């Protein structure tokens, strides 16, 4: 299907609007909408928060009567079912728009082309496939969860130029610069959940919160704690939002104490002498978690990589050398030969102060 230069420009604007909901729409996708009549934008909108009006409804409200006969550019297929809000297809049909251009089909099985079909049945020209890649990059977690019932996992790591992430005694503050750490805050803000291990909690006592100005939503915090070693006075239990402790232990006393400290304790199966990481992913899917930020040490990072549960590896490399006695990025004890090596594809590089952000996709 051929799209014009103007089509590309207006859809680009819709995607820009969608990005305004980057930190707030979870567990819904980020969606933007632009309404154009006679070559002029007459209405714009984006989905701002789950449970609130969708992008199309906000744009239609801004356009008013000027929506009649207009072309609507929306970054994701309009919904056609009753959820927390009425179907957007009904609103578009009632507004008597002439054409709807969609970046990508909604992977939600409740929509999945049905929204486009409803528009077509109502006599509206419905077209799909404009700038789809950009929308996929904006909503990787939602798309993956809808298609595979598991969230999108980013592993965040900081290292020296010789590939070390902590000194031999565990000291790691700070390897990277303020610029890199600010970028991590942005990654946290867009994530549905932050996953860490009990070892990290014991070693660093982190809060694992978003510390950007005007933060409206804190991601859930997930602690993988096979034997319930998380202290009841840990900082992570005292923060806004919910902390989940996933364990294999049925120690009722420890569970009761951690529950009273504010945690939600969930018992999962044990595999390889640790919490079953695939069961963890199923649990996150039940929570409607779209994007996960994995912030943890070499043991859990290595286990997640070995189980092929990491979708993206983000490494912040600082211009420092830490020596061969310092700790590495991934603990992979079963990797014994070059034929076992795990290959990555470099997706992007970016300078952050004196640090380099490297983004890889595991093959």
Protein backbone atom coordinates (compact mmCIF):
# COMPACT_ATOMS: atom_id res chain seq x y z
CA UNK A 1 0.00 0.00 0.00
CA UNK A 2 1.42 3.37 -1.04
CA UNK A 3 1.38 6.20 1.47
CA UNK A 4 2.10 9.85 0.62
CA UNK A 5 4.71 12.14 2.09
CA UNK A 6 1.94 13.88 4.02
CA UNK A 7 0.76 10.53 5.37
CA UNK A 8 4.24 9.87 6.73
CA UNK A 9 4.43 13.31 8.29
CA UNK A 10 1.09 13.07 10.08
CA UNK A 11 1.78 9.53 11.32
CA UNK A 12 5.16 10.68 12.62
CA UNK A 13 3.31 13.33 14.60
CA UNK A 14 0.92 10.69 15.98
CA UNK A 15 3.89 8.62 17.15
CA UNK A 16 5.45 11.68 18.78
CA UNK A 17 2.21 12.20 20.70
CA UNK A 18 2.17 8.52 21.73
CA UNK A 19 5.59 8.98 23.34
CA UNK A 20 4.07 11.44 25.80
CA UNK A 21 2.48 8.44 27.48
CA UNK A 22 5.78 6.54 27.73
CA UNK A 23 5.80 6.53 31.53
CA UNK A 24 2.08 6.58 32.30
CA UNK A 25 -0.10 4.26 30.17
CA UNK A 26 1.01 0.92 31.62
CA UNK A 27 -0.33 -1.75 31.21
CA UNK A 28 -1.89 -0.26 28.09
CA UNK A 29 0.11 0.56 24.96
CA UNK A 30 1.32 4.07 24.13
CA UNK A 31 -0.91 5.44 21.37
CA UNK A 32 -1.15 8.79 19.59
CA UNK A 33 -3.71 10.18 17.14
CA UNK A 34 -3.85 13.07 14.68
CA UNK A 35 -6.98 14.20 12.79
CA UNK A 36 -6.47 16.06 9.49
CA UNK A 37 -9.08 17.86 7.43
CA UNK A 38 -8.19 19.51 4.13
CA UNK A 39 -4.49 19.15 4.85
CA UNK A 40 -4.68 20.85 8.26
CA UNK A 41 -4.43 19.23 11.69
CA UNK A 42 -7.74 19.85 13.45
CA UNK A 43 -7.32 17.55 16.44
CA UNK A 44 -4.61 15.72 18.37
CA UNK A 45 -4.62 13.33 21.30
CA UNK A 46 -2.77 10.56 23.03
CA UNK A 47 -3.58 7.91 25.59
CA UNK A 48 -2.45 9.42 28.86
CA UNK A 49 -3.23 6.85 31.56
CA UNK A 50 -4.79 3.39 31.83
CA UNK A 51 -8.51 3.72 32.41
CA UNK A 52 -8.56 7.15 30.80
CA UNK A 53 -9.76 8.13 27.34
CA UNK A 54 -7.95 6.60 24.40
CA UNK A 55 -5.97 8.65 21.90
CA UNK A 56 -8.72 8.68 19.27
CA UNK A 57 -11.36 9.94 21.71
CA UNK A 58 -9.08 12.74 22.92
CA UNK A 59 -8.29 13.75 19.33
CA UNK A 60 -11.97 13.67 18.34
CA UNK A 61 -12.84 15.88 21.31
CA UNK A 62 -10.23 18.39 20.15
CA UNK A 63 -11.46 18.29 16.55
CA UNK A 64 -15.18 18.58 17.26
CA UNK A 65 -17.32 18.94 14.11
CA UNK A 66 -14.16 19.29 12.00
CA UNK A 67 -13.65 15.53 12.28
CA UNK A 68 -16.42 14.92 9.75
CA UNK A 69 -14.86 13.94 6.42
CA UNK A 70 -11.36 13.97 7.94
CA UNK A 71 -8.47 11.52 7.83
CA UNK A 72 -7.44 10.01 11.16
CA UNK A 73 -3.86 8.89 11.76
CA UNK A 74 -3.51 6.58 14.76
CA UNK A 75 -0.43 4.64 15.82
CA UNK A 76 -2.33 1.48 16.83
CA UNK A 77 -5.51 -0.06 15.48
CA UNK A 78 -8.59 1.44 17.19
CA UNK A 79 -10.17 -0.83 19.79
CA UNK A 80 -13.56 -2.38 19.01
CA UNK A 81 -14.52 -3.86 22.38
CA UNK A 82 -15.84 -2.60 25.69
CA UNK A 83 -13.12 -2.45 28.34
CA UNK A 84 -12.68 0.35 30.85
CA UNK A 85 -13.75 2.67 28.01
CA UNK A 86 -16.18 2.27 25.06
CA UNK A 87 -14.90 1.15 21.62
CA UNK A 88 -12.96 3.78 19.69
CA UNK A 89 -14.37 2.41 16.44
CA UNK A 90 -17.86 3.52 17.53
CA UNK A 91 -16.58 7.04 18.21
CA UNK A 92 -14.85 7.27 14.82
CA UNK A 93 -17.93 6.01 12.99
CA UNK A 94 -20.19 8.44 14.87
CA UNK A 95 -17.85 11.32 13.98
CA UNK A 96 -18.26 10.45 10.26
CA UNK A 97 -14.54 10.42 9.50
CA UNK A 98 -13.66 9.48 5.92
CA UNK A 99 -10.36 7.62 6.25
CA UNK A 100 -8.35 5.98 9.05
CA UNK A 101 -4.62 5.26 8.65
CA UNK A 102 -3.15 2.90 11.23
CA UNK A 103 0.53 2.24 11.87
CA UNK A 104 0.05 -1.34 13.01
CA UNK A 105 -2.66 -3.85 13.78
CA UNK A 106 -3.38 -4.31 17.47
CA UNK A 107 -1.90 -7.66 18.64
CA UNK A 108 -4.55 -7.91 21.35
CA UNK A 109 -6.67 -10.93 20.35
CA UNK A 110 -9.80 -8.95 21.27
CA UNK A 111 -8.98 -6.52 18.45
CA UNK A 112 -6.49 -8.09 15.97
CA UNK A 113 -7.95 -6.67 12.76
CA UNK A 114 -11.55 -6.52 13.95
CA UNK A 115 -11.34 -2.77 14.54
CA UNK A 116 -10.23 -2.18 10.97
CA UNK A 117 -12.99 -4.46 9.71
CA UNK A 118 -15.65 -2.55 11.65
CA UNK A 119 -14.46 0.71 10.12
CA UNK A 120 -14.48 -0.81 6.63
CA UNK A 121 -17.99 -2.19 7.16
CA UNK A 122 -19.09 1.34 8.07
CA UNK A 123 -17.80 2.69 4.75
CA UNK A 124 -14.62 4.24 6.15
CA UNK A 125 -11.39 3.72 4.21
CA UNK A 126 -9.09 1.85 6.60
CA UNK A 127 -5.37 1.41 5.82
CA UNK A 128 -2.62 -0.18 7.91
CA UNK A 129 1.18 -0.52 7.84
CA UNK A 130 2.59 3.02 7.96
CA UNK A 131 5.70 3.37 10.20
CA UNK A 132 4.94 0.07 11.91
CA UNK A 133 8.54 -0.50 13.03
CA UNK A 134 8.58 2.75 15.02
CA UNK A 135 5.39 1.76 16.86
CA UNK A 136 6.77 -1.69 17.59
CA UNK A 137 9.83 -0.08 19.20
CA UNK A 138 7.55 2.13 21.29
CA UNK A 139 5.49 -0.79 22.61
CA UNK A 140 7.72 -3.89 22.61
CA UNK A 141 6.39 -5.20 25.90
CA UNK A 142 2.70 -4.85 25.14
CA UNK A 143 3.16 -6.45 21.71
CA UNK A 144 5.21 -9.34 23.07
CA UNK A 145 2.82 -9.96 25.96
CA UNK A 146 -0.16 -10.06 23.62
CA UNK A 147 1.58 -12.43 21.21
CA UNK A 148 3.52 -14.73 23.56
CA UNK A 149 2.05 -14.17 27.06
CA UNK A 150 5.40 -12.98 28.44
CA UNK A 151 6.88 -9.52 29.01
CA UNK A 152 9.84 -7.92 27.25
CA UNK A 153 12.96 -8.08 29.42
CA UNK A 154 15.80 -5.57 29.36
CA UNK A 155 18.96 -6.41 31.28
CA UNK A 156 20.74 -3.27 32.51
CA UNK A 157 24.43 -3.57 33.36
CA UNK A 158 27.28 -1.15 34.07
CA UNK A 159 30.86 -2.14 33.34
CA UNK A 160 34.43 -0.99 32.97
CA UNK A 161 36.25 -1.18 29.64
CA UNK A 162 37.69 -4.51 30.78
CA UNK A 163 34.19 -5.92 31.28
CA UNK A 164 33.95 -5.75 35.07
CA UNK A 165 30.82 -4.79 36.94
CA UNK A 166 31.96 -4.81 40.59
CA UNK A 167 35.12 -5.16 42.61
CA UNK A 168 35.95 -8.55 44.13
CA UNK A 169 34.29 -7.56 47.42
CA UNK A 170 31.12 -6.44 45.60
CA UNK A 171 31.74 -2.68 45.66
CA UNK A 172 30.22 -1.06 42.56
CA UNK A 173 29.28 2.57 43.41
CA UNK A 174 29.77 4.22 41.09
CA UNK A 175 31.19 2.82 37.85
CA UNK A 176 29.31 5.15 35.53
CA UNK A 177 28.58 8.88 35.37
CA UNK A 178 25.56 10.93 36.41
CA UNK A 179 24.43 10.99 32.76
CA UNK A 180 24.31 7.20 32.57
CA UNK A 181 22.49 6.91 35.88
CA UNK A 182 19.90 9.44 34.73
CA UNK A 183 19.34 7.32 31.64
CA UNK A 184 18.71 4.32 33.91
CA UNK A 185 16.03 6.34 35.70
CA UNK A 186 14.28 6.78 32.35
CA UNK A 187 14.48 3.04 31.72
CA UNK A 188 12.92 2.42 35.12
CA UNK A 189 10.17 4.94 34.46
CA UNK A 190 9.03 3.21 31.27
CA UNK A 191 9.16 -0.27 32.85
CA UNK A 192 6.22 -2.11 34.36
CA UNK A 193 8.45 -3.92 36.84
CA UNK A 194 12.04 -3.96 38.08
CA UNK A 195 13.44 -7.41 38.81
CA UNK A 196 16.35 -7.98 41.15
CA UNK A 197 17.76 -10.77 43.29
CA UNK A 198 18.03 -11.24 47.03
CA UNK A 199 21.80 -11.05 46.72
CA UNK A 200 21.57 -7.51 45.36
CA UNK A 201 19.15 -6.54 48.13
CA UNK A 202 21.51 -7.89 50.78
CA UNK A 203 24.64 -6.35 49.24
CA UNK A 204 23.37 -2.91 48.23
CA UNK A 205 20.05 -2.36 50.05
CA UNK A 206 18.64 -0.55 46.97
CA UNK A 207 15.31 1.27 46.81
CA UNK A 208 14.73 0.35 43.14
CA UNK A 209 12.47 3.34 42.50
CA UNK A 210 12.10 6.00 39.83
CA UNK A 211 13.60 9.26 41.04
CA UNK A 212 12.70 11.54 38.13
CA UNK A 213 10.82 14.75 38.83
CA UNK A 214 7.01 14.54 38.60
CA UNK A 215 7.03 10.73 38.70
CA UNK A 216 3.40 9.61 38.56
CA UNK A 217 3.86 5.82 38.67
CA UNK A 218 6.35 3.52 40.37
CA UNK A 219 7.04 0.16 38.70
CA UNK A 220 6.37 -2.96 40.71
CA UNK A 221 9.51 -4.33 42.35
CA UNK A 222 10.19 -8.06 42.05
CA UNK A 223 12.74 -9.81 44.28
CA UNK A 224 13.85 -13.33 43.34
CA UNK A 225 14.52 -14.77 46.79
CA UNK A 226 14.70 -18.56 46.78
CA UNK A 227 15.20 -18.96 50.54
CA UNK A 228 13.52 -15.78 51.90
CA UNK A 229 16.67 -13.97 52.95
CA UNK A 230 15.31 -10.45 52.32
CA UNK A 231 15.51 -8.42 55.59
CA UNK A 232 12.23 -6.98 56.83
CA UNK A 233 13.90 -3.57 57.17
CA UNK A 234 15.17 -3.49 53.56
CA UNK A 235 14.70 -0.13 51.80
CA UNK A 236 12.97 -1.82 48.88
CA UNK A 237 10.05 -2.74 51.16
CA UNK A 238 9.50 0.85 52.31
CA UNK A 239 8.95 2.51 48.93
CA UNK A 240 5.71 3.62 47.23
CA UNK A 241 4.13 0.92 45.12
CA UNK A 242 4.19 -2.85 45.45
CA UNK A 243 7.13 -5.16 46.16
CA UNK A 244 6.71 -8.84 45.30
CA UNK A 245 9.01 -11.51 46.73
CA UNK A 246 9.09 -14.70 44.65
CA UNK A 247 10.38 -17.63 46.65
CA UNK A 248 10.49 -21.42 46.97
CA UNK A 249 10.36 -21.28 50.75
CA UNK A 250 7.23 -22.15 52.72
CA UNK A 251 8.61 -20.73 55.98
CA UNK A 252 5.36 -19.37 57.42
CA UNK A 253 7.10 -17.18 60.00
CA UNK A 254 9.32 -15.49 57.41
CA UNK A 255 6.40 -15.08 55.02
CA UNK A 256 4.28 -13.47 57.76
CA UNK A 257 7.06 -11.07 58.77
CA UNK A 258 7.75 -9.99 55.18
CA UNK A 259 4.03 -9.61 54.49
CA UNK A 260 3.70 -7.36 57.55
CA UNK A 261 6.68 -5.37 56.21
CA UNK A 262 4.66 -4.65 53.07
CA UNK A 263 5.74 -7.38 50.64
CA UNK A 264 3.53 -9.68 48.63
CA UNK A 265 5.15 -13.12 49.00
CA UNK A 266 4.47 -15.68 46.26
CA UNK A 267 5.70 -19.27 46.34
CA UNK A 268 6.85 -20.64 42.97
CA UNK A 269 8.36 -23.99 41.95
CA UNK A 270 12.08 -24.65 42.40
CA UNK A 271 14.19 -25.52 39.36
CA UNK A 272 18.00 -25.82 39.37
CA UNK A 273 18.00 -24.99 43.08
CA UNK A 274 16.39 -21.59 42.50
CA UNK A 275 13.04 -20.01 41.71
CA UNK A 276 11.75 -21.28 38.38
CA UNK A 277 12.42 -18.29 36.12
CA UNK A 278 9.82 -19.39 33.58
CA UNK A 279 7.23 -19.53 36.36
CA UNK A 280 8.34 -16.02 37.29
CA UNK A 281 7.61 -14.88 33.73
CA UNK A 282 4.16 -16.46 33.92
CA UNK A 283 3.52 -14.59 37.15
CA UNK A 284 4.59 -11.30 35.55
CA UNK A 285 2.22 -11.98 32.67
CA UNK A 286 -0.61 -12.45 35.18
CA UNK A 287 0.25 -9.00 36.57
CA UNK A 288 -0.02 -7.56 33.01
CA UNK A 289 3.63 -6.57 33.08
CA UNK A 290 4.73 -5.31 29.67
CA UNK A 291 8.36 -4.28 30.12
CA UNK A 292 10.81 -5.60 32.73
CA UNK A 293 14.07 -3.97 33.74
CA UNK A 294 16.46 -6.55 35.15
CA UNK A 295 18.81 -4.85 37.63
CA UNK A 296 20.79 -7.50 39.40
CA UNK A 297 24.14 -9.22 39.79
CA UNK A 298 26.00 -11.71 37.64
CA UNK A 299 24.25 -14.81 39.01
CA UNK A 300 20.65 -13.89 38.19
CA UNK A 301 21.67 -12.06 35.00
CA UNK A 302 23.53 -15.14 33.83
CA UNK A 303 20.63 -17.44 34.71
CA UNK A 304 18.16 -15.27 32.79
CA UNK A 305 20.46 -15.16 29.77
CA UNK A 306 21.03 -18.90 29.90
CA UNK A 307 17.26 -19.51 29.98
CA UNK A 308 16.84 -17.22 26.93
CA UNK A 309 14.59 -14.86 28.89
CA UNK A 310 16.45 -11.63 28.08
CA UNK A 311 15.27 -9.72 25.02
CA UNK A 312 17.66 -6.77 25.19
CA UNK A 313 20.96 -6.13 26.95
CA UNK A 314 21.84 -2.52 27.77
CA UNK A 315 25.43 -2.01 28.91
CA UNK A 316 26.80 1.29 30.18
CA UNK A 317 30.56 1.17 29.63
CA UNK A 318 32.65 3.61 31.64
CA UNK A 319 36.21 4.66 30.71
CA UNK A 320 37.76 2.89 33.71
CA UNK A 321 39.75 -0.30 34.29
CA UNK A 322 38.92 -2.49 37.31
CA UNK A 323 41.33 -5.42 36.92
CA UNK A 324 41.03 -9.16 36.50
CA UNK A 325 40.04 -9.78 40.13
CA UNK A 326 36.82 -7.78 39.75
CA UNK A 327 33.50 -9.43 38.96
CA UNK A 328 32.17 -10.05 35.45
CA UNK A 329 28.78 -9.28 33.93
CA UNK A 330 27.24 -12.75 33.67
CA UNK A 331 27.81 -15.89 35.70
CA UNK A 332 27.59 -18.73 33.16
CA UNK A 333 29.27 -21.77 34.73
CA UNK A 334 27.98 -24.13 32.05
CA UNK A 335 29.62 -22.19 29.24
CA UNK A 336 32.82 -24.18 28.74
CA UNK A 337 33.78 -23.90 25.08
CA UNK A 338 33.60 -21.44 22.20
CA UNK A 339 30.80 -23.49 20.67
CA UNK A 340 28.72 -22.60 23.75
CA UNK A 341 29.22 -18.85 23.46
CA UNK A 342 26.14 -16.65 23.40
CA UNK A 343 26.13 -14.26 20.45
CA UNK A 344 24.62 -10.78 20.55
CA UNK A 345 23.71 -8.33 17.79
CA UNK A 346 24.59 -4.68 18.38
CA UNK A 347 21.44 -2.59 17.98
CA UNK A 348 22.70 0.87 18.88
CA UNK A 349 25.44 2.92 20.53
CA UNK A 350 25.10 6.26 22.27
CA UNK A 351 27.37 8.56 24.24
CA UNK A 352 26.22 9.59 27.72
CA UNK A 353 28.80 11.97 29.10
CA UNK A 354 32.04 9.99 29.07
CA UNK A 355 30.20 6.65 29.08
CA UNK A 356 28.96 4.62 26.13
CA UNK A 357 25.54 2.98 26.12
CA UNK A 358 25.60 -0.25 24.12
CA UNK A 359 22.32 -1.97 23.28
CA UNK A 360 22.43 -5.60 22.19
CA UNK A 361 19.85 -8.17 21.14
CA UNK A 362 20.66 -11.80 22.04
CA UNK A 363 20.64 -13.98 18.93
